[in-house]
Amino acid sequence: GREFSINERSKGCKWFFSFLIFTEFRKTRSENILFLLDEPASNL
């Protein structure tokens, strides 16, 4: 039941949060968005 800022979590957690925020949610803006991802998850 404790609450922590996202920034207090691990690098992997922050990366995954950012990845889905800026892809999974972003794709709702319009159809057939072209995502150009340069070495995604290279820090994992």
All heavy atoms as atom14 arrays in JSON, in Angstrom:
{
  "sequence": "GREFSINERSKGCKWFFSFLIFTEFRKTRSENILFLLDEPASNL",
  "atom14_mask": [
    [1, 1, 1, 1, 0, 0, 0, 0, 0, 0, 0, 0, 0, 0],
    [1, 1, 1, 1, 1, 1, 1, 1, 1, 1, 1, 0, 0, 0],
    [1, 1, 1, 1, 1, 1, 1, 1, 1, 0, 0, 0, 0, 0],
    [1, 1, 1, 1, 1, 1, 1, 1, 1, 1, 1, 0, 0, 0],
    [1, 1, 1, 1, 1, 1, 0, 0, 0, 0, 0, 0, 0, 0],
    [1, 1, 1, 1, 1, 1, 1, 1, 0, 0, 0, 0, 0, 0],
    [1, 1, 1, 1, 1, 1, 1, 1, 0, 0, 0, 0, 0, 0],
    [1, 1, 1, 1, 1, 1, 1, 1, 1, 0, 0, 0, 0, 0],
    [1, 1, 1, 1, 1, 1, 1, 1, 1, 1, 1, 0, 0, 0],
    [1, 1, 1, 1, 1, 1, 0, 0, 0, 0, 0, 0, 0, 0],
    [1, 1, 1, 1, 1, 1, 1, 1, 1, 0, 0, 0, 0, 0],
    [1, 1, 1, 1, 0, 0, 0, 0, 0, 0, 0, 0, 0, 0],
    [1, 1, 1, 1, 1, 1, 0, 0, 0, 0, 0, 0, 0, 0],
    [1, 1, 1, 1, 1, 1, 1, 1, 1, 0, 0, 0, 0, 0],
    [1, 1, 1, 1, 1, 1, 1, 1, 1, 1, 1, 1, 1, 1],
    [1, 1, 1, 1, 1, 1, 1, 1, 1, 1, 1, 0, 0, 0],
    [1, 1, 1, 1, 1, 1, 1, 1, 1, 1, 1, 0, 0, 0],
    [1, 1, 1, 1, 1, 1, 0, 0, 0, 0, 0, 0, 0, 0],
    [1, 1, 1, 1, 1, 1, 1, 1, 1, 1, 1, 0, 0, 0],
    [1, 1, 1, 1, 1, 1, 1, 1, 0, 0, 0, 0, 0, 0],
    [1, 1, 1, 1, 1, 1, 1, 1, 0, 0, 0, 0, 0, 0],
    [1, 1, 1, 1, 1, 1, 1, 1, 1, 1, 1, 0, 0, 0],
    [1, 1, 1, 1, 1, 1, 1, 0, 0, 0, 0, 0, 0, 0],
    [1, 1, 1, 1, 1, 1, 1, 1, 1, 0, 0, 0, 0, 0],
    [1, 1, 1, 1, 1, 1, 1, 1, 1, 1, 1, 0, 0, 0],
    [1, 1, 1, 1, 1, 1, 1, 1, 1, 1, 1, 0, 0, 0],
    [1, 1, 1, 1, 1, 1, 1, 1, 1, 0, 0, 0, 0, 0],
    [1, 1, 1, 1, 1, 1, 1, 0, 0, 0, 0, 0, 0, 0],
    [1, 1, 1, 1, 1, 1, 1, 1, 1, 1, 1, 0, 0, 0],
    [1, 1, 1, 1, 1, 1, 0, 0, 0, 0, 0, 0, 0, 0],
    [1, 1, 1, 1, 1, 1, 1, 1, 1, 0, 0, 0, 0, 0],
    [1, 1, 1, 1, 1, 1, 1, 1, 0, 0, 0, 0, 0, 0],
    [1, 1, 1, 1, 1, 1, 1, 1, 0, 0, 0, 0, 0, 0],
    [1, 1, 1, 1, 1, 1, 1, 1, 0, 0, 0, 0, 0, 0],
    [1, 1, 1, 1, 1, 1, 1, 1, 1, 1, 1, 0, 0, 0],
    [1, 1, 1, 1, 1, 1, 1, 1, 0, 0, 0, 0, 0, 0],
    [1, 1, 1, 1, 1, 1, 1, 1, 0, 0, 0, 0, 0, 0],
    [1, 1, 1, 1, 1, 1, 1, 1, 0, 0, 0, 0, 0, 0],
    [1, 1, 1, 1, 1, 1, 1, 1, 1, 0, 0, 0, 0, 0],
    [1, 1, 1, 1, 1, 1, 1, 0, 0, 0, 0, 0, 0, 0],
    [1, 1, 1, 1, 1, 0, 0, 0, 0, 0, 0, 0, 0, 0],
    [1, 1, 1, 1, 1, 1, 0, 0, 0, 0, 0, 0, 0, 0],
    [1, 1, 1, 1, 1, 1, 1, 1, 0, 0, 0, 0, 0, 0],
    [1, 1, 1, 1, 1, 1, 1, 1, 0, 0, 0, 0, 0, 0]
  ],
  "atom14_positions": [
    [[0.79, -1.22, 0.0], [0.0, 0.0, 0.0], [0.82, 1.27, 0.0], [0.26, 2.37, 0.03], [0.0, 0.0, 0.0], [0.0, 0.0, 0.0], [0.0, 0.0, 0.0], [0.0, 0.0, 0.0], [0.0, 0.0, 0.0], [0.0, 0.0, 0.0], [0.0, 0.0, 0.0], [0.0, 0.0, 0.0], [0.0, 0.0, 0.0], [0.0, 0.0, 0.0]],
    [[2.14, 1.15, -0.02], [3.0, 2.35, -0.05], [3.08, 2.89, -1.48], [3.0, 2.14, -2.45], [4.39, 2.01, 0.47], [4.4, 1.5, 1.89], [5.81, 1.1, 2.31], [6.69, 2.25, 2.31], [8.02, 2.15, 2.46], [8.59, 0.97, 2.57], [8.78, 3.23, 2.49], [0.0, 0.0, 0.0], [0.0, 0.0, 0.0], [0.0, 0.0, 0.0]],
    [[3.21, 4.21, -1.58], [3.28, 4.85, -2.9], [4.63, 5.51, -3.1], [5.15, 6.2, -2.22], [2.16, 5.88, -3.04], [0.76, 5.26, -3.09], [-0.34, 6.29, -3.22], [-0.02, 7.5, -3.12], [-1.51, 5.9, -3.41], [0.0, 0.0, 0.0], [0.0, 0.0, 0.0], [0.0, 0.0, 0.0], [0.0, 0.0, 0.0], [0.0, 0.0, 0.0]],
    [[5.21, 5.27, -4.28], [6.5, 5.85, -4.64], [6.39, 6.55, -5.98], [5.62, 6.14, -6.86], [7.57, 4.75, -4.74], [7.91, 4.07, -3.45], [7.19, 2.95, -3.05], [8.93, 4.54, -2.64], [7.49, 2.3, -1.86], [9.24, 3.91, -1.45], [8.53, 2.78, -1.05], [0.0, 0.0, 0.0], [0.0, 0.0, 0.0], [0.0, 0.0, 0.0]],
    [[7.19, 7.59, -6.16], [7.27, 8.24, -7.46], [7.87, 7.27, -8.45], [8.7, 6.42, -8.1], [8.15, 9.5, -7.36], [8.46, 9.98, -8.64], [0.0, 0.0, 0.0], [0.0, 0.0, 0.0], [0.0, 0.0, 0.0], [0.0, 0.0, 0.0], [0.0, 0.0, 0.0], [0.0, 0.0, 0.0], [0.0, 0.0, 0.0], [0.0, 0.0, 0.0]],
    [[7.46, 7.38, -9.71], [8.05, 6.55, -10.77], [9.57, 6.74, -10.78], [10.33, 5.79, -11.01], [7.46, 6.92, -12.14], [6.02, 6.44, -12.25], [8.29, 6.33, -13.28], [5.86, 4.94, -12.4], [0.0, 0.0, 0.0], [0.0, 0.0, 0.0], [0.0, 0.0, 0.0], [0.0, 0.0, 0.0], [0.0, 0.0, 0.0], [0.0, 0.0, 0.0]],
    [[10.02, 7.95, -10.52], [11.45, 8.24, -10.55], [12.22, 7.54, -9.43], [13.45, 7.5, -9.46], [11.7, 9.74, -10.49], [11.37, 10.42, -11.81], [11.69, 9.9, -12.87], [10.71, 11.57, -11.75], [0.0, 0.0, 0.0], [0.0, 0.0, 0.0], [0.0, 0.0, 0.0], [0.0, 0.0, 0.0], [0.0, 0.0, 0.0], [0.0, 0.0, 0.0]],
    [[11.52, 7.01, -8.43], [12.18, 6.28, -7.35], [12.3, 4.79, -7.65], [12.87, 4.05, -6.86], [11.4, 6.47, -6.04], [11.36, 7.91, -5.54], [10.55, 8.05, -4.26], [11.15, 7.92, -3.17], [9.33, 8.26, -4.35], [0.0, 0.0, 0.0], [0.0, 0.0, 0.0], [0.0, 0.0, 0.0], [0.0, 0.0, 0.0], [0.0, 0.0, 0.0]],
    [[11.76, 4.36, -8.77], [11.83, 2.94, -9.14], [13.12, 2.67, -9.93], [13.9, 3.56, -10.23], [10.61, 2.56, -9.98], [9.27, 2.72, -9.26], [9.08, 1.68, -8.15], [9.69, 2.05, -6.87], [9.78, 1.25, -5.83], [9.34, 0.0, -5.91], [10.33, 1.68, -4.72], [0.0, 0.0, 0.0], [0.0, 0.0, 0.0], [0.0, 0.0, 0.0]],
    [[13.31, 1.42, -10.3], [14.53, 1.0, -11.0], [14.58, 1.6, -12.4], [13.57, 2.05, -12.95], [14.59, -0.52, -11.1], [13.56, -0.99, -11.97], [0.0, 0.0, 0.0], [0.0, 0.0, 0.0], [0.0, 0.0, 0.0], [0.0, 0.0, 0.0], [0.0, 0.0, 0.0], [0.0, 0.0, 0.0], [0.0, 0.0, 0.0], [0.0, 0.0, 0.0]],
    [[15.79, 1.58, -12.98], [15.95, 2.07, -14.35], [15.09, 1.28, -15.32], [14.48, 1.82, -16.23], [17.42, 1.99, -14.78], [17.67, 2.45, -16.21], [19.11, 2.26, -16.63], [20.01, 3.29, -15.96], [21.38, 3.23, -16.52], [0.0, 0.0, 0.0], [0.0, 0.0, 0.0], [0.0, 0.0, 0.0], [0.0, 0.0, 0.0], [0.0, 0.0, 0.0]],
    [[15.02, -0.05, -15.11], [14.21, -0.89, -15.98], [12.74, -0.52, -15.9], [12.04, -0.49, -16.92], [0.0, 0.0, 0.0], [0.0, 0.0, 0.0], [0.0, 0.0, 0.0], [0.0, 0.0, 0.0], [0.0, 0.0, 0.0], [0.0, 0.0, 0.0], [0.0, 0.0, 0.0], [0.0, 0.0, 0.0], [0.0, 0.0, 0.0], [0.0, 0.0, 0.0]],
    [[12.27, -0.25, -14.69], [10.86, 0.13, -14.5], [10.58, 1.46, -15.18], [9.57, 1.6, -15.88], [10.55, 0.21, -13.01], [8.85, 0.73, -12.65], [0.0, 0.0, 0.0], [0.0, 0.0, 0.0], [0.0, 0.0, 0.0], [0.0, 0.0, 0.0], [0.0, 0.0, 0.0], [0.0, 0.0, 0.0], [0.0, 0.0, 0.0], [0.0, 0.0, 0.0]],
    [[11.46, 2.44, -15.02], [11.28, 3.75, -15.64], [11.33, 3.64, -17.16], [10.55, 4.28, -17.87], [12.34, 4.73, -15.14], [12.17, 5.13, -13.68], [13.12, 6.26, -13.29], [14.54, 5.75, -13.23], [15.48, 6.8, -12.73], [0.0, 0.0, 0.0], [0.0, 0.0, 0.0], [0.0, 0.0, 0.0], [0.0, 0.0, 0.0], [0.0, 0.0, 0.0]],
    [[12.24, 2.8, -17.67], [12.35, 2.63, -19.11], [11.06, 2.03, -19.66], [10.51, 2.51, -20.66], [13.52, 1.72, -19.45], [13.7, 1.56, -20.94], [14.5, 2.3, -21.75], [13.0, 0.64, -21.8], [14.36, 1.9, -23.07], [13.44, 0.88, -23.12], [12.06, -0.36, -21.58], [12.97, 0.16, -24.21], [11.58, -1.08, -22.67], [12.04, -0.82, -23.97]],
    [[10.57, 0.99, -19.02], [9.37, 0.31, -19.51], [8.16, 1.23, -19.45], [7.33, 1.25, -20.35], [9.13, -0.96, -18.69], [8.17, -1.91, -19.33], [8.52, -2.64, -20.45], [6.89, -2.08, -18.82], [7.63, -3.53, -21.05], [5.99, -2.95, -19.4], [6.36, -3.68, -20.52], [0.0, 0.0, 0.0], [0.0, 0.0, 0.0], [0.0, 0.0, 0.0]],
    [[8.05, 2.0, -18.37], [6.97, 2.98, -18.23], [7.01, 3.98, -19.38], [6.0, 4.23, -20.05], [7.1, 3.7, -16.88], [6.06, 4.75, -16.64], [4.79, 4.42, -16.17], [6.34, 6.09, -16.87], [3.83, 5.4, -15.94], [5.39, 7.08, -16.65], [4.13, 6.72, -16.19], [0.0, 0.0, 0.0], [0.0, 0.0, 0.0], [0.0, 0.0, 0.0]],
    [[8.18, 4.54, -19.65], [8.33, 5.52, -20.71], [8.04, 4.91, -22.08], [7.38, 5.52, -22.92], [9.75, 6.11, -20.71], [10.02, 6.78, -19.5], [0.0, 0.0, 0.0], [0.0, 0.0, 0.0], [0.0, 0.0, 0.0], [0.0, 0.0, 0.0], [0.0, 0.0, 0.0], [0.0, 0.0, 0.0], [0.0, 0.0, 0.0], [0.0, 0.0, 0.0]],
    [[8.56, 3.69, -22.28], [8.37, 3.02, -23.57], [6.89, 2.88, -23.9], [6.45, 3.22, -25.01], [9.04, 1.65, -23.53], [8.78, 0.83, -24.77], [9.49, 1.08, -25.94], [7.85, -0.19, -24.76], [9.26, 0.33, -27.09], [7.62, -0.95, -25.9], [8.32, -0.68, -27.06], [0.0, 0.0, 0.0], [0.0, 0.0, 0.0], [0.0, 0.0, 0.0]],
    [[6.09, 2.39, -22.96], [4.67, 2.18, -23.24], [3.89, 3.49, -23.27], [2.95, 3.63, -24.04], [4.07, 1.23, -22.21], [4.52, -0.23, -22.33], [3.81, -1.11, -21.31], [4.26, -0.77, -23.73], [0.0, 0.0, 0.0], [0.0, 0.0, 0.0], [0.0, 0.0, 0.0], [0.0, 0.0, 0.0], [0.0, 0.0, 0.0], [0.0, 0.0, 0.0]],
    [[4.28, 4.45, -22.44], [3.63, 5.76, -22.46], [3.76, 6.38, -23.85], [2.82, 6.95, -24.4], [4.23, 6.7, -21.39], [3.66, 6.37, -20.01], [3.99, 8.17, -21.74], [2.22, 6.77, -19.8], [0.0, 0.0, 0.0], [0.0, 0.0, 0.0], [0.0, 0.0, 0.0], [0.0, 0.0, 0.0], [0.0, 0.0, 0.0], [0.0, 0.0, 0.0]],
    [[4.97, 6.29, -24.44], [5.24, 6.98, -25.7], [5.05, 6.1, -26.93], [5.35, 6.52, -28.04], [6.65, 7.57, -25.69], [6.76, 8.79, -24.82], [7.2, 8.7, -23.52], [6.39, 10.03, -25.31], [7.29, 9.82, -22.71], [6.48, 11.16, -24.52], [6.92, 11.06, -23.21], [0.0, 0.0, 0.0], [0.0, 0.0, 0.0], [0.0, 0.0, 0.0]],
    [[4.54, 4.88, -26.73], [4.21, 4.03, -27.88], [2.77, 3.54, -27.77], [1.91, 3.89, -28.57], [5.17, 2.84, -28.0], [5.17, 2.08, -26.79], [6.57, 3.31, -28.31], [0.0, 0.0, 0.0], [0.0, 0.0, 0.0], [0.0, 0.0, 0.0], [0.0, 0.0, 0.0], [0.0, 0.0, 0.0], [0.0, 0.0, 0.0], [0.0, 0.0, 0.0]],
    [[2.5, 2.7, -26.78], [1.19, 2.07, -26.63], [0.08, 3.11, -26.52], [-0.99, 2.96, -27.13], [1.19, 1.16, -25.41], [-0.11, 0.4, -25.2], [-0.39, -0.61, -26.3], [0.57, -1.08, -26.93], [-1.58, -0.9, -26.54], [0.0, 0.0, 0.0], [0.0, 0.0, 0.0], [0.0, 0.0, 0.0], [0.0, 0.0, 0.0], [0.0, 0.0, 0.0]],
    [[0.31, 4.18, -25.75], [-0.72, 5.21, -25.62], [-0.67, 6.2, -26.78], [-1.7, 6.71, -27.22], [-0.58, 5.94, -24.28], [-0.98, 5.1, -23.09], [-0.03, 4.5, -22.29], [-2.32, 4.89, -22.8], [-0.4, 3.71, -21.21], [-2.71, 4.11, -21.73], [-1.74, 3.51, -20.92], [0.0, 0.0, 0.0], [0.0, 0.0, 0.0], [0.0, 0.0, 0.0]],
    [[0.51, 6.48, -27.28], [0.64, 7.46, -28.36], [-0.04, 7.01, -29.65], [-0.53, 7.83, -30.43], [2.14, 7.71, -28.62], [2.44, 8.76, -29.68], [2.03, 10.14, -29.23], [2.74, 10.58, -28.06], [3.92, 11.21, -28.07], [4.52, 11.46, -29.22], [4.48, 11.59, -26.94], [0.0, 0.0, 0.0], [0.0, 0.0, 0.0], [0.0, 0.0, 0.0]],
    [[-0.1, 5.69, -29.87], [-0.64, 5.2, -31.13], [-2.14, 5.48, -31.27], [-2.69, 5.34, -32.36], [-0.38, 3.7, -31.28], [-1.19, 2.81, -30.35], [-0.77, 1.36, -30.47], [-1.62, 0.44, -29.6], [-1.15, -0.95, -29.64], [0.0, 0.0, 0.0], [0.0, 0.0, 0.0], [0.0, 0.0, 0.0], [0.0, 0.0, 0.0], [0.0, 0.0, 0.0]],
    [[-2.79, 5.91, -30.19], [-4.22, 6.22, -30.27], [-4.48, 7.56, -30.97], [-5.62, 7.84, -31.33], [-4.86, 6.27, -28.86], [-4.25, 7.32, -28.09], [-4.67, 4.94, -28.14], [0.0, 0.0, 0.0], [0.0, 0.0, 0.0], [0.0, 0.0, 0.0], [0.0, 0.0, 0.0], [0.0, 0.0, 0.0], [0.0, 0.0, 0.0], [0.0, 0.0, 0.0]],
    [[-3.45, 8.36, -31.17], [-3.66, 9.68, -31.77], [-4.1, 9.59, -33.23], [-4.92, 10.36, -33.69], [-2.37, 10.5, -31.69], [-2.0, 10.92, -30.28], [-0.87, 11.91, -30.29], [-0.34, 12.13, -28.95], [0.69, 12.91, -28.68], [1.28, 13.55, -29.67], [1.12, 13.05, -27.44], [0.0, 0.0, 0.0], [0.0, 0.0, 0.0], [0.0, 0.0, 0.0]],
    [[-3.5, 8.67, -33.96], [-3.86, 8.52, -35.37], [-3.49, 7.12, -35.84], [-2.78, 6.39, -35.15], [-3.14, 9.58, -36.23], [-1.74, 9.46, -36.09], [0.0, 0.0, 0.0], [0.0, 0.0, 0.0], [0.0, 0.0, 0.0], [0.0, 0.0, 0.0], [0.0, 0.0, 0.0], [0.0, 0.0, 0.0], [0.0, 0.0, 0.0], [0.0, 0.0, 0.0]],
    [[-3.97, 6.75, -37.04], [-3.72, 5.41, -37.55], [-2.37, 5.31, -38.24], [-1.86, 6.27, -38.81], [-4.82, 5.03, -38.54], [-6.2, 4.86, -37.91], [-7.23, 4.41, -38.92], [-6.89, 4.36, -40.12], [-8.36, 4.1, -38.5], [0.0, 0.0, 0.0], [0.0, 0.0, 0.0], [0.0, 0.0, 0.0], [0.0, 0.0, 0.0], [0.0, 0.0, 0.0]],
    [[-1.78, 4.12, -38.19], [-0.55, 3.79, -38.91], [0.6, 4.74, -38.62], [1.39, 5.09, -39.51], [-0.82, 3.76, -40.42], [-1.72, 2.61, -40.82], [-1.64, 1.53, -40.28], [-2.63, 2.86, -41.76], [0.0, 0.0, 0.0], [0.0, 0.0, 0.0], [0.0, 0.0, 0.0], [0.0, 0.0, 0.0], [0.0, 0.0, 0.0], [0.0, 0.0, 0.0]],
    [[0.72, 5.16, -37.37], [1.9, 5.93, -36.98], [3.14, 5.08, -37.26], [3.17, 3.88, -36.98], [1.84, 6.29, -35.48], [0.72, 7.29, -35.22], [3.17, 6.88, -35.01], [0.56, 7.65, -33.76], [0.0, 0.0, 0.0], [0.0, 0.0, 0.0], [0.0, 0.0, 0.0], [0.0, 0.0, 0.0], [0.0, 0.0, 0.0], [0.0, 0.0, 0.0]],
    [[4.17, 5.69, -37.81], [5.44, 5.0, -38.03], [6.37, 5.32, -36.87], [6.78, 6.46, -36.69], [6.06, 5.43, -39.36], [7.49, 4.94, -39.64], [7.56, 3.42, -39.6], [7.99, 5.47, -40.97], [0.0, 0.0, 0.0], [0.0, 0.0, 0.0], [0.0, 0.0, 0.0], [0.0, 0.0, 0.0], [0.0, 0.0, 0.0], [0.0, 0.0, 0.0]],
    [[6.69, 4.3, -36.08], [7.62, 4.46, -34.96], [9.02, 4.08, -35.42], [9.24, 2.99, -35.95], [7.21, 3.56, -33.79], [5.99, 4.03, -33.04], [4.74, 3.53, -33.34], [6.11, 4.98, -32.04], [3.61, 3.96, -32.66], [4.99, 5.42, -31.35], [3.74, 4.91, -31.65], [0.0, 0.0, 0.0], [0.0, 0.0, 0.0], [0.0, 0.0, 0.0]],
    [[9.96, 4.99, -35.21], [11.37, 4.74, -35.48], [12.08, 4.61, -34.14], [12.23, 5.6, -33.42], [11.97, 5.89, -36.3], [11.24, 6.25, -37.61], [11.9, 7.47, -38.25], [11.22, 5.08, -38.58], [0.0, 0.0, 0.0], [0.0, 0.0, 0.0], [0.0, 0.0, 0.0], [0.0, 0.0, 0.0], [0.0, 0.0, 0.0], [0.0, 0.0, 0.0]],
    [[12.49, 3.4, -33.8], [13.05, 3.12, -32.48], [14.51, 2.72, -32.62], [14.83, 1.68, -33.21], [12.26, 2.0, -31.8], [10.73, 2.14, -31.81], [10.09, 0.93, -31.13], [10.3, 3.42, -31.14], [0.0, 0.0, 0.0], [0.0, 0.0, 0.0], [0.0, 0.0, 0.0], [0.0, 0.0, 0.0], [0.0, 0.0, 0.0], [0.0, 0.0, 0.0]],
    [[15.39, 3.56, -32.09], [16.83, 3.32, -32.21], [17.32, 2.52, -31.01], [17.43, 3.05, -29.9], [17.57, 4.64, -32.32], [18.99, 4.47, -32.83], [19.34, 3.33, -33.21], [19.74, 5.45, -32.86], [0.0, 0.0, 0.0], [0.0, 0.0, 0.0], [0.0, 0.0, 0.0], [0.0, 0.0, 0.0], [0.0, 0.0, 0.0], [0.0, 0.0, 0.0]],
    [[17.61, 1.25, -31.22], [18.09, 0.34, -30.18], [17.23, 0.38, -28.92], [17.73, 0.67, -27.83], [19.56, 0.62, -29.86], [20.48, 0.43, -31.05], [21.95, 0.41, -30.67], [22.26, 0.1, -29.51], [22.77, 0.74, -31.54], [0.0, 0.0, 0.0], [0.0, 0.0, 0.0], [0.0, 0.0, 0.0], [0.0, 0.0, 0.0], [0.0, 0.0, 0.0]],
    [[15.94, 0.09, -29.04], [15.09, 0.07, -27.85], [15.56, -1.0, -26.88], [16.04, -2.06, -27.27], [13.7, -0.27, -28.41], [13.97, -0.98, -29.69], [15.21, -0.35, -30.25], [0.0, 0.0, 0.0], [0.0, 0.0, 0.0], [0.0, 0.0, 0.0], [0.0, 0.0, 0.0], [0.0, 0.0, 0.0], [0.0, 0.0, 0.0], [0.0, 0.0, 0.0]],
    [[15.44, -0.7, -25.59], [15.79, -1.63, -24.51], [17.28, -1.88, -24.41], [17.7, -2.83, -23.75], [15.04, -2.95, -24.66], [0.0, 0.0, 0.0], [0.0, 0.0, 0.0], [0.0, 0.0, 0.0], [0.0, 0.0, 0.0], [0.0, 0.0, 0.0], [0.0, 0.0, 0.0], [0.0, 0.0, 0.0], [0.0, 0.0, 0.0], [0.0, 0.0, 0.0]],
    [[18.09, -1.03, -25.04], [19.54, -1.27, -24.98], [20.08, -1.13, -23.56], [21.16, -1.63, -23.25], [20.27, -0.27, -25.89], [20.0, 1.07, -25.51], [0.0, 0.0, 0.0], [0.0, 0.0, 0.0], [0.0, 0.0, 0.0], [0.0, 0.0, 0.0], [0.0, 0.0, 0.0], [0.0, 0.0, 0.0], [0.0, 0.0, 0.0], [0.0, 0.0, 0.0]],
    [[19.31, -0.48, -22.68], [19.74, -0.32, -21.29], [19.25, -1.45, -20.39], [19.52, -1.43, -19.19], [19.25, 1.02, -20.73], [19.93, 2.2, -21.39], [21.08, 2.5, -21.12], [19.22, 2.85, -22.3], [0.0, 0.0, 0.0], [0.0, 0.0, 0.0], [0.0, 0.0, 0.0], [0.0, 0.0, 0.0], [0.0, 0.0, 0.0], [0.0, 0.0, 0.0]],
    [[18.52, -2.41, -20.96], [18.01, -3.52, -20.18], [18.89, -4.74, -20.37], [19.67, -4.85, -21.31], [16.57, -3.84, -20.59], [15.53, -2.74, -20.4], [14.16, -3.26, -20.8], [15.51, -2.24, -18.97], [0.0, 0.0, 0.0], [0.0, 0.0, 0.0], [0.0, 0.0, 0.0], [0.0, 0.0, 0.0], [0.0, 0.0, 0.0], [0.0, 0.0, 0.0]]
  ]
}
